[in-house]
C-alpha cells in the first residue's frame, strides 16, 4: 500500500469510523454492482423458500417483479442519460405531463 493510499484510507477511516466505512462499501457493493444485486435477490429467494418451504409461489413472483422492474429502471436511465438534452426535455415533458 503506497503512502498516499494509507493517508487516504486513514482519512476515510477517521472521518467515517471503520464501521461506517465498511457499511458504505458494503452498501455500494450490494446495490451498485450487478453481482451484488444478483446476490441480494438470490438471498431473498433462499429466505422465502426457507420460510415457505416452497409451498407459496406468490413471494417468488413478487421478487421476480421487483428484480425486473429494477433492471428496467437501470436500462431506462442509462438510455435516458445518453439522449441529447433536447430529447431529454421532450421525454420529460411527455412523461411528467398531468393526466
Protein backbone atom coordinates (compact mmCIF):
# COMPACT_ATOMS: atom_id res chain seq x y z
CA UNK A 1 0.00 0.00 0.00
CA UNK A 2 1.53 3.31 -1.01
CA UNK A 3 1.86 6.24 1.33
CA UNK A 4 -0.90 8.16 -0.47
CA UNK A 5 -3.23 5.17 -0.22
CA UNK A 6 -2.52 4.81 3.50
CA UNK A 7 -3.15 8.52 4.00
CA UNK A 8 -6.43 8.40 2.04
CA UNK A 9 -7.54 5.26 3.87
CA UNK A 10 -6.61 6.85 7.20
CA UNK A 11 -8.66 9.96 6.43
CA UNK A 12 -11.64 7.84 5.38
CA UNK A 13 -11.43 5.68 8.50
CA UNK A 14 -11.01 8.65 10.81
CA UNK A 15 -13.94 10.61 9.36
CA UNK A 16 -16.37 7.71 8.96
CA UNK A 17 -15.09 5.31 11.52
CA UNK A 18 -14.21 1.79 10.45
CA UNK A 19 -17.78 0.51 10.82
CA UNK A 20 -19.18 3.41 8.78
CA UNK A 21 -16.64 2.83 6.04
CA UNK A 22 -17.38 -0.90 5.92
CA UNK A 23 -21.13 -0.18 5.85
CA UNK A 24 -20.77 2.26 2.95
CA UNK A 25 -18.55 -0.09 0.98
CA UNK A 26 -20.93 -3.00 1.59
CA UNK A 27 -23.93 -0.94 0.52
CA UNK A 28 -22.13 0.17 -2.63
CA UNK A 29 -21.05 -3.39 -3.50
CA UNK A 30 -24.55 -4.83 -2.99
CA UNK A 31 -26.60 -2.08 -4.64
CA UNK A 32 -24.37 -0.68 -7.36
CA UNK A 33 -22.89 -3.78 -8.98
CA UNK A 34 -24.69 -6.47 -10.96
CA UNK A 35 -23.03 -9.20 -8.87
CA UNK A 36 -24.20 -7.57 -5.67
CA UNK A 37 -27.79 -7.21 -6.90
CA UNK A 38 -27.81 -10.84 -8.04
CA UNK A 39 -26.53 -11.87 -4.61
CA UNK A 40 -29.27 -9.88 -2.85
CA UNK A 41 -32.04 -11.41 -4.97
CA UNK A 42 -30.56 -14.90 -4.55
CA UNK A 43 -30.52 -14.48 -0.76
CA UNK A 44 -34.09 -13.14 -0.84
CA UNK A 45 -35.25 -16.20 -2.78
CA UNK A 46 -33.43 -18.51 -0.36
CA UNK A 47 -35.06 -16.80 2.62
CA UNK A 48 -38.52 -17.02 1.06
CA UNK A 49 -38.00 -20.69 0.24
CA UNK A 50 -36.82 -21.37 3.78
CA UNK A 51 -39.83 -19.62 5.34
CA UNK A 52 -42.48 -21.02 2.99
CA UNK A 53 -40.89 -24.42 2.27
CA UNK A 54 -41.58 -23.73 -1.39
CA UNK A 55 -45.35 -24.03 -0.89
CA UNK A 56 -46.31 -20.49 -1.89
CA UNK A 57 -45.37 -19.18 -5.35
CA UNK A 58 -46.51 -15.58 -4.77
CA UNK A 59 -43.45 -14.37 -2.79
CA UNK A 60 -41.12 -15.61 -5.53
CA UNK A 61 -43.23 -13.87 -8.16
CA UNK A 62 -43.02 -10.64 -6.15
CA UNK A 63 -39.23 -10.91 -6.03
CA UNK A 64 -39.22 -11.51 -9.81
CA UNK A 65 -41.31 -8.40 -10.41
CA UNK A 66 -39.08 -6.26 -8.19
CA UNK A 67 -35.97 -7.56 -9.95
CA UNK A 68 -37.36 -6.97 -13.45
CA UNK A 69 -38.60 -3.51 -12.50
CA UNK A 70 -35.25 -2.56 -11.01
CA UNK A 71 -33.34 -3.70 -14.09
CA UNK A 72 -35.88 -1.92 -16.28
CA UNK A 73 -35.24 1.35 -14.47
CA UNK A 74 -31.49 0.90 -14.77
CA UNK A 75 -31.73 0.34 -18.52
CA UNK A 76 -34.14 3.26 -18.92
CA UNK A 77 -31.90 5.71 -17.07
CA UNK A 78 -28.78 4.60 -18.95
CA UNK A 79 -30.52 5.18 -22.27
CA UNK A 80 -32.14 8.37 -20.99
CA UNK A 81 -28.80 9.84 -19.93
CA UNK A 82 -27.35 9.05 -23.38
CA UNK A 83 -30.01 11.19 -25.11
CA UNK A 84 -29.37 14.70 -26.29
CA UNK A 85 -30.56 17.50 -23.95
CA UNK A 86 -33.42 18.39 -26.30
CA UNK A 87 -34.65 14.79 -26.44
CA UNK A 88 -34.47 14.56 -22.63
CA UNK A 89 -36.60 17.71 -22.24
CA UNK A 90 -39.23 16.39 -24.66
CA UNK A 91 -39.26 12.98 -22.93
CA UNK A 92 -39.68 14.62 -19.51
CA UNK A 93 -42.49 16.81 -20.84
CA UNK A 94 -44.32 13.75 -22.17
CA UNK A 95 -43.73 11.54 -19.10
CA UNK A 96 -44.45 14.19 -16.49
CA UNK A 97 -47.49 15.84 -18.06
CA UNK A 98 -50.68 15.86 -15.99
CA UNK A 99 -53.18 13.20 -16.94
